Amino acid sequence: MAEKKVKVVVLSDVPVDGKSYSAGSVVELPEKTAKSLVDGGFADDNAEAVAYWLTQSKLIVHGVVAEAAAAE
């Protein structure tokens, strides 16, 4: 079974698995990673905050671009 994904708003610039995300980005991450960022104060998983920021920027799905580039 695939790990559950969670959308978060990045609150301050933070690297995740070698990829940097800027404040204000909305990123879909594995639940465990998202929880770690939220607990550390680097991200917010509040549904209203995520919904608002999705009106301001596009959703980034963590790992998708890197996986596609590696396949080429």
C-alpha atoms as a PDB file:
ATOM      1  CA  MET A   1       0.000   0.000   0.000  1.00  0.00           C
ATOM      2  CA  ALA A   2       1.348   3.426  -0.961  1.00  0.00           C
ATOM      3  CA  GLU A   3       2.108   5.867   1.793  1.00  0.00           C
ATOM      4  CA  LYS A   4      -0.550   8.530   2.354  1.00  0.00           C
ATOM      5  CA  LYS A   5       0.279  11.955   0.872  1.00  0.00           C
ATOM      6  CA  VAL A   6      -0.379  15.236   2.658  1.00  0.00           C
ATOM      7  CA  LYS A   7      -0.467  18.776   1.269  1.00  0.00           C
ATOM      8  CA  VAL A   8       1.356  21.431   3.290  1.00  0.00           C
ATOM      9  CA  VAL A   9       2.212  25.105   2.933  1.00  0.00           C
ATOM     10  CA  VAL A  10       5.929  25.729   3.364  1.00  0.00           C
ATOM     11  CA  LEU A  11       6.461  28.496   5.947  1.00  0.00           C
ATOM     12  CA  SER A  12      10.204  29.033   5.468  1.00  0.00           C
ATOM     13  CA  ASP A  13      12.723  27.857   2.894  1.00  0.00           C
ATOM     14  CA  VAL A  14      13.503  24.221   3.608  1.00  0.00           C
ATOM     15  CA  PRO A  15      15.306  21.337   1.886  1.00  0.00           C
ATOM     16  CA  VAL A  16      13.513  17.985   1.601  1.00  0.00           C
ATOM     17  CA  ASP A  17      15.446  15.008   0.230  1.00  0.00           C
ATOM     18  CA  GLY A  18      17.864  17.337  -1.569  1.00  0.00           C
ATOM     19  CA  LYS A  19      15.114  19.499  -3.109  1.00  0.00           C
ATOM     20  CA  SER A  20      14.606  23.049  -1.812  1.00  0.00           C
ATOM     21  CA  TYR A  21      11.141  24.490  -1.319  1.00  0.00           C
ATOM     22  CA  SER A  22      10.431  28.202  -0.820  1.00  0.00           C
ATOM     23  CA  ALA A  23       8.100  29.805   1.683  1.00  0.00           C
ATOM     24  CA  GLY A  24       4.573  29.969   0.267  1.00  0.00           C
ATOM     25  CA  SER A  25       4.945  26.804  -1.809  1.00  0.00           C
ATOM     26  CA  VAL A  26       2.240  24.162  -1.518  1.00  0.00           C
ATOM     27  CA  VAL A  27       3.853  20.740  -1.580  1.00  0.00           C
ATOM     28  CA  GLU A  28       2.363  17.252  -1.500  1.00  0.00           C
ATOM     29  CA  LEU A  29       4.628  15.043   0.620  1.00  0.00           C
ATOM     30  CA  PRO A  30       4.571  11.618   2.219  1.00  0.00           C
ATOM     31  CA  GLU A  31       2.663  11.845   5.503  1.00  0.00           C
ATOM     32  CA  LYS A  32       5.712  11.104   7.670  1.00  0.00           C
ATOM     33  CA  THR A  33       7.794  13.837   5.998  1.00  0.00           C
ATOM     34  CA  ALA A  34       4.939  16.349   6.176  1.00  0.00           C
ATOM     35  CA  LYS A  35       4.434  15.643   9.885  1.00  0.00           C
ATOM     36  CA  SER A  36       8.131  16.197  10.546  1.00  0.00           C
ATOM     37  CA  LEU A  37       8.062  19.570   8.766  1.00  0.00           C
ATOM     38  CA  VAL A  38       4.880  20.660  10.566  1.00  0.00           C
ATOM     39  CA  ASP A  39       6.265  19.563  13.952  1.00  0.00           C
ATOM     40  CA  GLY A  40       9.481  21.486  13.212  1.00  0.00           C
ATOM     41  CA  GLY A  41       7.578  24.672  12.318  1.00  0.00           C
ATOM     42  CA  PHE A  42       8.636  24.609   8.658  1.00  0.00           C
ATOM     43  CA  ALA A  43       5.173  23.865   7.231  1.00  0.00           C
ATOM     44  CA  ASP A  44       1.445  24.158   7.935  1.00  0.00           C
ATOM     45  CA  ASP A  45      -1.009  21.367   7.127  1.00  0.00           C
ATOM     46  CA  ASN A  46      -4.146  23.337   8.059  1.00  0.00           C
ATOM     47  CA  ALA A  47      -6.728  22.671   5.332  1.00  0.00           C
ATOM     48  CA  GLU A  48      -7.808  26.335   5.130  1.00  0.00           C
ATOM     49  CA  ALA A  49      -4.204  27.534   4.785  1.00  0.00           C
ATOM     50  CA  VAL A  50      -3.498  24.966   2.072  1.00  0.00           C
ATOM     51  CA  ALA A  51      -6.701  25.904   0.217  1.00  0.00           C
ATOM     52  CA  TYR A  52      -5.805  29.610   0.319  1.00  0.00           C
ATOM     53  CA  TRP A  53      -2.237  29.095  -0.877  1.00  0.00           C
ATOM     54  CA  LEU A  54      -3.436  26.877  -3.715  1.00  0.00           C
ATOM     55  CA  THR A  55      -5.189  29.995  -5.062  1.00  0.00           C
ATOM     56  CA  GLN A  56      -1.815  31.783  -5.018  1.00  0.00           C
ATOM     57  CA  SER A  57       0.510  29.085  -6.389  1.00  0.00           C
ATOM     58  CA  LYS A  58       0.523  25.681  -8.046  1.00  0.00           C
ATOM     59  CA  LEU A  59       0.754  22.393  -6.202  1.00  0.00           C
ATOM     60  CA  ILE A  60       4.190  20.778  -6.230  1.00  0.00           C
ATOM     61  CA  VAL A  61       4.168  16.998  -5.922  1.00  0.00           C
ATOM     62  CA  HIS A  62       7.419  16.076  -4.198  1.00  0.00           C
ATOM     63  CA  GLY A  63       9.537  13.608  -6.127  1.00  0.00           C
ATOM     64  CA  VAL A  64       7.566  13.599  -9.388  1.00  0.00           C
ATOM     65  CA  VAL A  65       9.907  15.808 -11.459  1.00  0.00           C
ATOM     66  CA  ALA A  66      13.029  14.095 -10.081  1.00  0.00           C
ATOM     67  CA  GLU A  67      11.623  10.665 -10.903  1.00  0.00           C
ATOM     68  CA  ALA A  68      10.654  11.734 -14.439  1.00  0.00           C
ATOM     69  CA  ALA A  69      14.106  13.210 -15.092  1.00  0.00           C
ATOM     70  CA  ALA A  70      15.817  10.076 -13.768  1.00  0.00           C
ATOM     71  CA  ALA A  71      13.807   7.924 -16.187  1.00  0.00           C
ATOM     72  CA  GLU A  72      15.166   9.806 -19.232  1.00  0.00           C
END
